[in-house]
Amino acid sequence: MSSAHELKQDFEQTFQRLKSHMDESFMMIENNPAHRDEVIDLWKDYIQAFTAYAMQSSEQYNNRDIYKAITKMLIFGK
């Protein structure tokens, strides 16, 4: 990726996939409530893995700006 524009386009594609996964998750739970905990655990596992990766990357690049912005947004919605 060589530009912020390309990064934004990639984020938009990724966001569309996440929205699709969210919709599928709700449908799975609605159609088979027994899968509720499994679906929720998947979301928790991947969000936890992402935040851990963000923290590790911040340390690797010695730049915590992105990690701080992500955690602030997750905690405070800003």
PDB file of N, CA and C in Angstrom:
ATOM      1  N   MET A   1       0.847  -1.164   0.000  1.00  0.00           N
ATOM      2  CA  MET A   1       0.000   0.000   0.000  1.00  0.00           C
ATOM      3  C   MET A   1       0.898   1.233   0.000  1.00  0.00           C
ATOM      4  N   SER A   2       0.621   2.112  -0.919  1.00  0.00           N
ATOM      5  CA  SER A   2       1.531   3.245  -1.035  1.00  0.00           C
ATOM      6  C   SER A   2       0.888   4.585  -0.707  1.00  0.00           C
ATOM      7  N   SER A   3      -0.418   4.592  -0.433  1.00  0.00           N
ATOM      8  CA  SER A   3      -1.035   5.882  -0.140  1.00  0.00           C
ATOM      9  C   SER A   3      -2.155   5.722   0.881  1.00  0.00           C
ATOM     10  N   ALA A   4      -2.489   6.842   1.506  1.00  0.00           N
ATOM     11  CA  ALA A   4      -3.597   6.844   2.466  1.00  0.00           C
ATOM     12  C   ALA A   4      -4.906   6.507   1.761  1.00  0.00           C
ATOM     13  N   HIS A   5      -5.042   6.918   0.516  1.00  0.00           N
ATOM     14  CA  HIS A   5      -6.255   6.620  -0.252  1.00  0.00           C
ATOM     15  C   HIS A   5      -6.422   5.109  -0.436  1.00  0.00           C
ATOM     16  N   GLU A   6      -5.337   4.432  -0.793  1.00  0.00           N
ATOM     17  CA  GLU A   6      -5.388   2.974  -0.951  1.00  0.00           C
ATOM     18  C   GLU A   6      -5.692   2.291   0.379  1.00  0.00           C
ATOM     19  N   LEU A   7      -5.106   2.793   1.443  1.00  0.00           N
ATOM     20  CA  LEU A   7      -5.369   2.242   2.769  1.00  0.00           C
ATOM     21  C   LEU A   7      -6.843   2.409   3.124  1.00  0.00           C
ATOM     22  N   LYS A   8      -7.390   3.582   2.823  1.00  0.00           N
ATOM     23  CA  LYS A   8      -8.810   3.837   3.098  1.00  0.00           C
ATOM     24  C   LYS A   8      -9.697   2.879   2.308  1.00  0.00           C
ATOM     25  N   GLN A   9      -9.389   2.666   1.044  1.00  0.00           N
ATOM     26  CA  GLN A   9     -10.171   1.737   0.231  1.00  0.00           C
ATOM     27  C   GLN A   9     -10.125   0.329   0.820  1.00  0.00           C
ATOM     28  N   ASP A  10      -8.952  -0.084   1.258  1.00  0.00           N
ATOM     29  CA  ASP A  10      -8.811  -1.408   1.857  1.00  0.00           C
ATOM     30  C   ASP A  10      -9.603  -1.497   3.164  1.00  0.00           C
ATOM     31  N   PHE A  11      -9.558  -0.439   3.970  1.00  0.00           N
ATOM     32  CA  PHE A  11     -10.354  -0.401   5.202  1.00  0.00           C
ATOM     33  C   PHE A  11     -11.846  -0.520   4.878  1.00  0.00           C
ATOM     34  N   GLU A  12     -12.289   0.164   3.831  1.00  0.00           N
ATOM     35  CA  GLU A  12     -13.704   0.114   3.459  1.00  0.00           C
ATOM     36  C   GLU A  12     -14.119  -1.299   3.071  1.00  0.00           C
ATOM     37  N   GLN A  13     -13.268  -2.002   2.324  1.00  0.00           N
ATOM     38  CA  GLN A  13     -13.558  -3.392   1.960  1.00  0.00           C
ATOM     39  C   GLN A  13     -13.581  -4.279   3.201  1.00  0.00           C
ATOM     40  N   THR A  14     -12.632  -4.073   4.078  1.00  0.00           N
ATOM     41  CA  THR A  14     -12.575  -4.845   5.317  1.00  0.00           C
ATOM     42  C   THR A  14     -13.797  -4.573   6.174  1.00  0.00           C
ATOM     43  N   PHE A  15     -14.219  -3.313   6.254  1.00  0.00           N
ATOM     44  CA  PHE A  15     -15.394  -2.953   7.040  1.00  0.00           C
ATOM     45  C   PHE A  15     -16.648  -3.619   6.481  1.00  0.00           C
ATOM     46  N   GLN A  16     -16.763  -3.671   5.158  1.00  0.00           N
ATOM     47  CA  GLN A  16     -17.915  -4.347   4.551  1.00  0.00           C
ATOM     48  C   GLN A  16     -17.938  -5.825   4.937  1.00  0.00           C
ATOM     49  N   ARG A  17     -16.778  -6.456   4.959  1.00  0.00           N
ATOM     50  CA  ARG A  17     -16.708  -7.869   5.366  1.00  0.00           C
ATOM     51  C   ARG A  17     -17.080  -8.024   6.833  1.00  0.00           C
ATOM     52  N   LEU A  18     -16.623  -7.115   7.689  1.00  0.00           N
ATOM     53  CA  LEU A  18     -16.982  -7.182   9.110  1.00  0.00           C
ATOM     54  C   LEU A  18     -18.482  -7.005   9.305  1.00  0.00           C
ATOM     55  N   LYS A  19     -19.078  -6.073   8.565  1.00  0.00           N
ATOM     56  CA  LYS A  19     -20.524  -5.883   8.657  1.00  0.00           C
ATOM     57  C   LYS A  19     -21.255  -7.153   8.231  1.00  0.00           C
ATOM     58  N   SER A  20     -20.779  -7.776   7.179  1.00  0.00           N
ATOM     59  CA  SER A  20     -21.375  -9.027   6.715  1.00  0.00           C
ATOM     60  C   SER A  20     -21.246 -10.114   7.780  1.00  0.00           C
ATOM     61  N   HIS A  21     -20.076 -10.194   8.400  1.00  0.00           N
ATOM     62  CA  HIS A  21     -19.872 -11.181   9.474  1.00  0.00           C
ATOM     63  C   HIS A  21     -20.802 -10.908  10.654  1.00  0.00           C
ATOM     64  N   MET A  22     -21.008  -9.635  10.967  1.00  0.00           N
ATOM     65  CA  MET A  22     -21.908  -9.286  12.066  1.00  0.00           C
ATOM     66  C   MET A  22     -23.330  -9.740  11.743  1.00  0.00           C
ATOM     67  N   ASP A  23     -23.793  -9.426  10.531  1.00  0.00           N
ATOM     68  CA  ASP A  23     -25.134  -9.850  10.122  1.00  0.00           C
ATOM     69  C   ASP A  23     -25.264 -11.373  10.157  1.00  0.00           C
ATOM     70  N   GLU A  24     -24.248 -12.069   9.638  1.00  0.00           N
ATOM     71  CA  GLU A  24     -24.258 -13.532   9.655  1.00  0.00           C
ATOM     72  C   GLU A  24     -24.283 -14.061  11.086  1.00  0.00           C
ATOM     73  N   SER A  25     -23.566 -13.403  11.972  1.00  0.00           N
ATOM     74  CA  SER A  25     -23.533 -13.828  13.374  1.00  0.00           C
ATOM     75  C   SER A  25     -24.917 -13.738  14.000  1.00  0.00           C
ATOM     76  N   PHE A  26     -25.610 -12.622  13.758  1.00  0.00           N
ATOM     77  CA  PHE A  26     -26.964 -12.476  14.297  1.00  0.00           C
ATOM     78  C   PHE A  26     -27.907 -13.526  13.717  1.00  0.00           C
ATOM     79  N   MET A  27     -27.773 -13.791  12.413  1.00  0.00           N
ATOM     80  CA  MET A  27     -28.629 -14.805  11.789  1.00  0.00           C
ATOM     81  C   MET A  27     -28.343 -16.193  12.348  1.00  0.00           C
ATOM     82  N   MET A  28     -27.058 -16.502  12.555  1.00  0.00           N
ATOM     83  CA  MET A  28     -26.701 -17.805  13.124  1.00  0.00           C
ATOM     84  C   MET A  28     -27.314 -17.982  14.502  1.00  0.00           C
ATOM     85  N   ILE A  29     -27.223 -16.951  15.316  1.00  0.00           N
ATOM     86  CA  ILE A  29     -27.769 -17.029  16.673  1.00  0.00           C
ATOM     87  C   ILE A  29     -29.292 -17.129  16.622  1.00  0.00           C
ATOM     88  N   GLU A  30     -29.901 -16.371  15.719  1.00  0.00           N
ATOM     89  CA  GLU A  30     -31.360 -16.406  15.598  1.00  0.00           C
ATOM     90  C   GLU A  30     -31.839 -17.784  15.140  1.00  0.00           C
ATOM     91  N   ASN A  31     -31.121 -18.366  14.172  1.00  0.00           N
ATOM     92  CA  ASN A  31     -31.514 -19.668  13.627  1.00  0.00           C
ATOM     93  C   ASN A  31     -31.151 -20.832  14.531  1.00  0.00           C
ATOM     94  N   ASN A  32     -30.112 -20.660  15.333  1.00  0.00           N
ATOM     95  CA  ASN A  32     -29.691 -21.733  16.226  1.00  0.00           C
ATOM     96  C   ASN A  32     -29.114 -21.118  17.501  1.00  0.00           C
ATOM     97  N   PRO A  33     -29.981 -20.806  18.462  1.00  0.00           N
ATOM     98  CA  PRO A  33     -29.526 -20.162  19.700  1.00  0.00           C
ATOM     99  C   PRO A  33     -28.445 -20.944  20.451  1.00  0.00           C
ATOM    100  N   ALA A  34     -28.328 -22.228  20.183  1.00  0.00           N
ATOM    101  CA  ALA A  34     -27.296 -23.027  20.851  1.00  0.00           C
ATOM    102  C   ALA A  34     -25.893 -22.579  20.449  1.00  0.00           C
ATOM    103  N   HIS A  35     -25.773 -21.893  19.316  1.00  0.00           N
ATOM    104  CA  HIS A  35     -24.461 -21.417  18.845  1.00  0.00           C
ATOM    105  C   HIS A  35     -24.102 -20.040  19.387  1.00  0.00           C
ATOM    106  N   ARG A  36     -24.973 -19.466  20.204  1.00  0.00           N
ATOM    107  CA  ARG A  36     -24.781 -18.105  20.710  1.00  0.00           C
ATOM    108  C   ARG A  36     -23.406 -17.908  21.347  1.00  0.00           C
ATOM    109  N   ASP A  37     -23.073 -18.736  22.317  1.00  0.00           N
ATOM    110  CA  ASP A  37     -21.797 -18.573  23.024  1.00  0.00           C
ATOM    111  C   ASP A  37     -20.605 -18.765  22.093  1.00  0.00           C
ATOM    112  N   GLU A  38     -20.713 -19.716  21.175  1.00  0.00           N
ATOM    113  CA  GLU A  38     -19.623 -19.966  20.230  1.00  0.00           C
ATOM    114  C   GLU A  38     -19.385 -18.746  19.336  1.00  0.00           C
ATOM    115  N   VAL A  39     -20.464 -18.151  18.839  1.00  0.00           N
ATOM    116  CA  VAL A  39     -20.352 -16.975  17.974  1.00  0.00           C
ATOM    117  C   VAL A  39     -19.774 -15.794  18.751  1.00  0.00           C
ATOM    118  N   ILE A  40     -20.277 -15.577  19.955  1.00  0.00           N
ATOM    119  CA  ILE A  40     -19.769 -14.477  20.782  1.00  0.00           C
ATOM    120  C   ILE A  40     -18.295 -14.684  21.099  1.00  0.00           C
ATOM    121  N   ASP A  41     -17.913 -15.915  21.413  1.00  0.00           N
ATOM    122  CA  ASP A  41     -16.499 -16.200  21.695  1.00  0.00           C
ATOM    123  C   ASP A  41     -15.612 -15.924  20.487  1.00  0.00           C
ATOM    124  N   LEU A  42     -16.108 -16.224  19.286  1.00  0.00           N
ATOM    125  CA  LEU A  42     -15.333 -15.914  18.077  1.00  0.00           C
ATOM    126  C   LEU A  42     -15.065 -14.417  17.977  1.00  0.00           C
ATOM    127  N   TRP A  43     -16.105 -13.618  18.172  1.00  0.00           N
ATOM    128  CA  TRP A  43     -15.926 -12.166  18.120  1.00  0.00           C
ATOM    129  C   TRP A  43     -14.933 -11.704  19.178  1.00  0.00           C
ATOM    130  N   LYS A  44     -15.092 -12.196  20.395  1.00  0.00           N
ATOM    131  CA  LYS A  44     -14.186 -11.790  21.476  1.00  0.00           C
ATOM    132  C   LYS A  44     -12.751 -12.195  21.173  1.00  0.00           C
ATOM    133  N   ASP A  45     -12.557 -13.421  20.677  1.00  0.00           N
ATOM    134  CA  ASP A  45     -11.205 -13.908  20.378  1.00  0.00           C
ATOM    135  C   ASP A  45     -10.521 -13.044  19.325  1.00  0.00           C
ATOM    136  N   TYR A  46     -11.238 -12.729  18.248  1.00  0.00           N
ATOM    137  CA  TYR A  46     -10.612 -11.968  17.169  1.00  0.00           C
ATOM    138  C   TYR A  46     -10.400 -10.507  17.534  1.00  0.00           C
ATOM    139  N   ILE A  47     -11.310  -9.932  18.304  1.00  0.00           N
ATOM    140  CA  ILE A  47     -11.100  -8.550  18.755  1.00  0.00           C
ATOM    141  C   ILE A  47      -9.923  -8.493  19.718  1.00  0.00           C
ATOM    142  N   GLN A  48      -9.830  -9.486  20.598  1.00  0.00           N
ATOM    143  CA  GLN A  48      -8.695  -9.541  21.521  1.00  0.00           C
ATOM    144  C   GLN A  48      -7.386  -9.733  20.753  1.00  0.00           C
ATOM    145  N   ALA A  49      -7.394 -10.608  19.749  1.00  0.00           N
ATOM    146  CA  ALA A  49      -6.191 -10.830  18.939  1.00  0.00           C
ATOM    147  C   ALA A  49      -5.790  -9.552  18.202  1.00  0.00           C
ATOM    148  N   PHE A  50      -6.774  -8.819  17.691  1.00  0.00           N
ATOM    149  CA  PHE A  50      -6.475  -7.569  16.994  1.00  0.00           C
ATOM    150  C   PHE A  50      -5.863  -6.540  17.935  1.00  0.00           C
ATOM    151  N   THR A  51      -6.449  -6.375  19.118  1.00  0.00           N
ATOM    152  CA  THR A  51      -5.906  -5.380  20.045  1.00  0.00           C
ATOM    153  C   THR A  51      -4.515  -5.783  20.525  1.00  0.00           C
ATOM    154  N   ALA A  52      -4.294  -7.083  20.724  1.00  0.00           N
ATOM    155  CA  ALA A  52      -2.955  -7.545  21.115  1.00  0.00           C
ATOM    156  C   ALA A  52      -1.951  -7.254  19.996  1.00  0.00           C
ATOM    157  N   TYR A  53      -2.349  -7.500  18.745  1.00  0.00           N
ATOM    158  CA  TYR A  53      -1.468  -7.222  17.618  1.00  0.00           C
ATOM    159  C   TYR A  53      -1.181  -5.724  17.504  1.00  0.00           C
ATOM    160  N   ALA A  54      -2.203  -4.910  17.722  1.00  0.00           N
ATOM    161  CA  ALA A  54      -2.008  -3.456  17.664  1.00  0.00           C
ATOM    162  C   ALA A  54      -0.999  -3.017  18.715  1.00  0.00           C
ATOM    163  N   MET A  55      -1.095  -3.586  19.912  1.00  0.00           N
ATOM    164  CA  MET A  55      -0.155  -3.226  20.974  1.00  0.00           C
ATOM    165  C   MET A  55       1.258  -3.696  20.624  1.00  0.00           C
ATOM    166  N   GLN A  56       1.389  -4.933  20.149  1.00  0.00           N
ATOM    167  CA  GLN A  56       2.707  -5.463  19.783  1.00  0.00           C
ATOM    168  C   GLN A  56       3.328  -4.654  18.646  1.00  0.00           C
ATOM    169  N   SER A  57       2.518  -4.299  17.664  1.00  0.00           N
ATOM    170  CA  SER A  57       3.022  -3.506  16.539  1.00  0.00           C
ATOM    171  C   SER A  57       3.476  -2.133  17.003  1.00  0.00           C
ATOM    172  N   SER A  58       2.705  -1.542  17.914  1.00  0.00           N
ATOM    173  CA  SER A  58       3.081  -0.232  18.445  1.00  0.00           C
ATOM    174  C   SER A  58       4.433  -0.293  19.127  1.00  0.00           C
ATOM    175  N   GLU A  59       4.662  -1.366  19.880  1.00  0.00           N
ATOM    176  CA  GLU A  59       5.958  -1.528  20.547  1.00  0.00           C
ATOM    177  C   GLU A  59       7.059  -1.777  19.532  1.00  0.00           C
ATOM    178  N   GLN A  60       6.775  -2.600  18.521  1.00  0.00           N
ATOM    179  CA  GLN A  60       7.769  -2.915  17.497  1.00  0.00           C
ATOM    180  C   GLN A  60       8.211  -1.660  16.752  1.00  0.00           C
ATOM    181  N   TYR A  61       7.264  -0.804  16.419  1.00  0.00           N
ATOM    182  CA  TYR A  61       7.576   0.409  15.671  1.00  0.00           C
ATOM    183  C   TYR A  61       7.866   1.596  16.578  1.00  0.00           C
ATOM    184  N   ASN A  62       7.830   1.346  17.884  1.00  0.00           N
ATOM    185  CA  ASN A  62       8.097   2.384  18.881  1.00  0.00           C
ATOM    186  C   ASN A  62       7.222   3.617  18.633  1.00  0.00           C
ATOM    187  N   ASN A  63       5.943   3.334  18.364  1.00  0.00           N
ATOM    188  CA  ASN A  63       4.991   4.408  18.090  1.00  0.00           C
ATOM    189  C   ASN A  63       3.621   3.940  18.563  1.00  0.00           C
ATOM    190  N   ARG A  64       3.152   4.501  19.652  1.00  0.00           N
ATOM    191  CA  ARG A  64       1.906   4.048  20.260  1.00  0.00           C
ATOM    192  C   ARG A  64       0.693   4.873  19.828  1.00  0.00           C
ATOM    193  N   ASP A  65       0.845   5.767  18.868  1.00  0.00           N
ATOM    194  CA  ASP A  65      -0.249   6.652  18.470  1.00  0.00           C
ATOM    195  C   ASP A  65      -1.482   5.884  17.986  1.00  0.00           C
ATOM    196  N   ILE A  66      -1.290   4.915  17.100  1.00  0.00           N
ATOM    197  CA  ILE A  66      -2.424   4.161  16.567  1.00  0.00           C
ATOM    198  C   ILE A  66      -3.074   3.341  17.673  1.00  0.00           C
ATOM    199  N   TYR A  67      -2.268   2.662  18.483  1.00  0.00           N
ATOM    200  CA  TYR A  67      -2.819   1.845  19.570  1.00  0.00           C
ATOM    201  C   TYR A  67      -3.598   2.708  20.555  1.00  0.00           C
ATOM    202  N   LYS A  68      -3.038   3.851  20.920  1.00  0.00           N
ATOM    203  CA  LYS A  68      -3.735   4.744  21.856  1.00  0.00           C
ATOM    204  C   LYS A  68      -5.048   5.240  21.256  1.00  0.00           C
ATOM    205  N   ALA A  69      -5.056   5.565  19.992  1.00  0.00           N
ATOM    206  CA  ALA A  69      -6.281   6.040  19.342  1.00  0.00           C
ATOM    207  C   ALA A  69      -7.345   4.941  19.308  1.00  0.00           C
ATOM    208  N   ILE A  70      -6.928   3.712  19.021  1.00  0.00           N
ATOM    209  CA  ILE A  70      -7.873   2.590  18.977  1.00  0.00           C
ATOM    210  C   ILE A  70      -8.455   2.327  20.358  1.00  0.00           C
ATOM    211  N   THR A  71      -7.606   2.238  21.372  1.00  0.00           N
ATOM    212  CA  THR A  71      -8.115   1.928  22.712  1.00  0.00           C
ATOM    213  C   THR A  71      -8.975   3.065  23.254  1.00  0.00           C
ATOM    214  N   LYS A  72      -8.608   4.299  22.973  1.00  0.00           N
ATOM    215  CA  LYS A  72      -9.423   5.436  23.422  1.00  0.00           C
ATOM    216  C   LYS A  72     -10.805   5.376  22.785  1.00  0.00           C
ATOM    217  N   MET A  73     -10.849   5.074  21.496  1.00  0.00           N
ATOM    218  CA  MET A  73     -12.121   4.977  20.800  1.00  0.00           C
ATOM    219  C   MET A  73     -12.956   3.823  21.352  1.00  0.00           C
ATOM    220  N   LEU A  74     -12.329   2.674  21.622  1.00  0.00           N
ATOM    221  CA  LEU A  74     -13.066   1.526  22.156  1.00  0.00           C
ATOM    222  C   LEU A  74     -13.615   1.806  23.553  1.00  0.00           C
ATOM    223  N   ILE A  75     -12.849   2.497  24.361  1.00  0.00           N
ATOM    224  CA  ILE A  75     -13.267   2.762  25.739  1.00  0.00           C
ATOM    225  C   ILE A  75     -14.250   3.922  25.814  1.00  0.00           C
ATOM    226  N   PHE A  76     -13.926   5.020  25.146  1.00  0.00           N
ATOM    227  CA  PHE A  76     -14.712   6.244  25.288  1.00  0.00           C
ATOM    228  C   PHE A  76     -15.595   6.563  24.083  1.00  0.00           C
ATOM    229  N   GLY A  77     -15.430   5.828  23.000  1.00  0.00           N
ATOM    230  CA  GLY A  77     -16.217   6.103  21.803  1.00  0.00           C
ATOM    231  C   GLY A  77     -15.797   7.357  21.071  1.00  0.00           C
ATOM    232  N   LYS A  78     -14.560   7.807  21.304  1.00  0.00           N
ATOM    233  CA  LYS A  78     -14.068   9.036  20.663  1.00  0.00           C
ATOM    234  C   LYS A  78     -12.835   8.744  19.858  1.00  0.00           C
TER     235      LYS A  78
END
